[in-house]
Amino acid sequence: MSEEVSRSLNAQIRMLFRFISL
């Protein structure tokens, strides 16, 4: 797995958790 892909996935998961937090 590429580091860039991992970073992109991490950002998406963070946004998802942020959305759920709201």
N, C-alpha and C. Protein backbone atom coordinates (compact mmCIF):
# COMPACT_ATOMS: atom_id res chain seq x y z
N MET A 1 0.85 -1.20 0.00
CA MET A 1 0.00 0.00 0.00
C MET A 1 0.88 1.26 0.00
N SER A 2 0.53 2.18 -0.87
CA SER A 2 1.34 3.40 -0.98
C SER A 2 1.07 4.34 0.19
N GLU A 3 2.05 5.15 0.52
CA GLU A 3 1.86 6.10 1.62
C GLU A 3 0.78 7.13 1.26
N GLU A 4 0.78 7.52 -0.02
CA GLU A 4 -0.20 8.52 -0.45
C GLU A 4 -1.62 7.97 -0.29
N VAL A 5 -1.78 6.71 -0.67
CA VAL A 5 -3.11 6.09 -0.54
C VAL A 5 -3.52 6.04 0.93
N SER A 6 -2.57 5.64 1.77
CA SER A 6 -2.87 5.55 3.20
C SER A 6 -3.27 6.92 3.74
N ARG A 7 -2.57 7.95 3.28
CA ARG A 7 -2.88 9.31 3.75
C ARG A 7 -4.29 9.70 3.30
N SER A 8 -4.60 9.41 2.04
CA SER A 8 -5.92 9.76 1.50
C SER A 8 -7.01 9.04 2.31
N LEU A 9 -6.76 7.76 2.59
CA LEU A 9 -7.75 7.00 3.37
C LEU A 9 -7.90 7.61 4.75
N ASN A 10 -6.80 7.97 5.36
CA ASN A 10 -6.84 8.56 6.70
C ASN A 10 -7.67 9.85 6.67
N ALA A 11 -7.45 10.68 5.68
CA ALA A 11 -8.20 11.95 5.59
C ALA A 11 -9.69 11.67 5.43
N GLN A 12 -10.03 10.69 4.61
CA GLN A 12 -11.46 10.37 4.41
C GLN A 12 -12.08 9.86 5.70
N ILE A 13 -11.36 9.02 6.40
CA ILE A 13 -11.90 8.48 7.67
C ILE A 13 -12.08 9.62 8.67
N ARG A 14 -11.14 10.55 8.70
CA ARG A 14 -11.24 11.69 9.63
C ARG A 14 -12.49 12.50 9.31
N MET A 15 -12.70 12.76 8.01
CA MET A 15 -13.88 13.54 7.61
C MET A 15 -15.15 12.80 8.02
N LEU A 16 -15.13 11.48 7.82
CA LEU A 16 -16.30 10.68 8.17
C LEU A 16 -16.59 10.80 9.67
N PHE A 17 -15.57 10.63 10.50
CA PHE A 17 -15.77 10.74 11.95
C PHE A 17 -16.25 12.14 12.31
N ARG A 18 -15.75 13.15 11.60
CA ARG A 18 -16.16 14.53 11.87
C ARG A 18 -17.65 14.66 11.57
N PHE A 19 -18.06 14.09 10.45
CA PHE A 19 -19.47 14.15 10.06
C PHE A 19 -20.35 13.46 11.11
N ILE A 20 -19.87 12.31 11.60
CA ILE A 20 -20.65 11.57 12.61
C ILE A 20 -20.68 12.38 13.92
N SER A 21 -19.58 13.04 14.23
CA SER A 21 -19.52 13.83 15.46
C SER A 21 -20.60 14.91 15.46
N LEU A 22 -20.83 15.48 14.27
CA LEU A 22 -21.84 16.55 14.18
C LEU A 22 -23.19 15.97 14.55
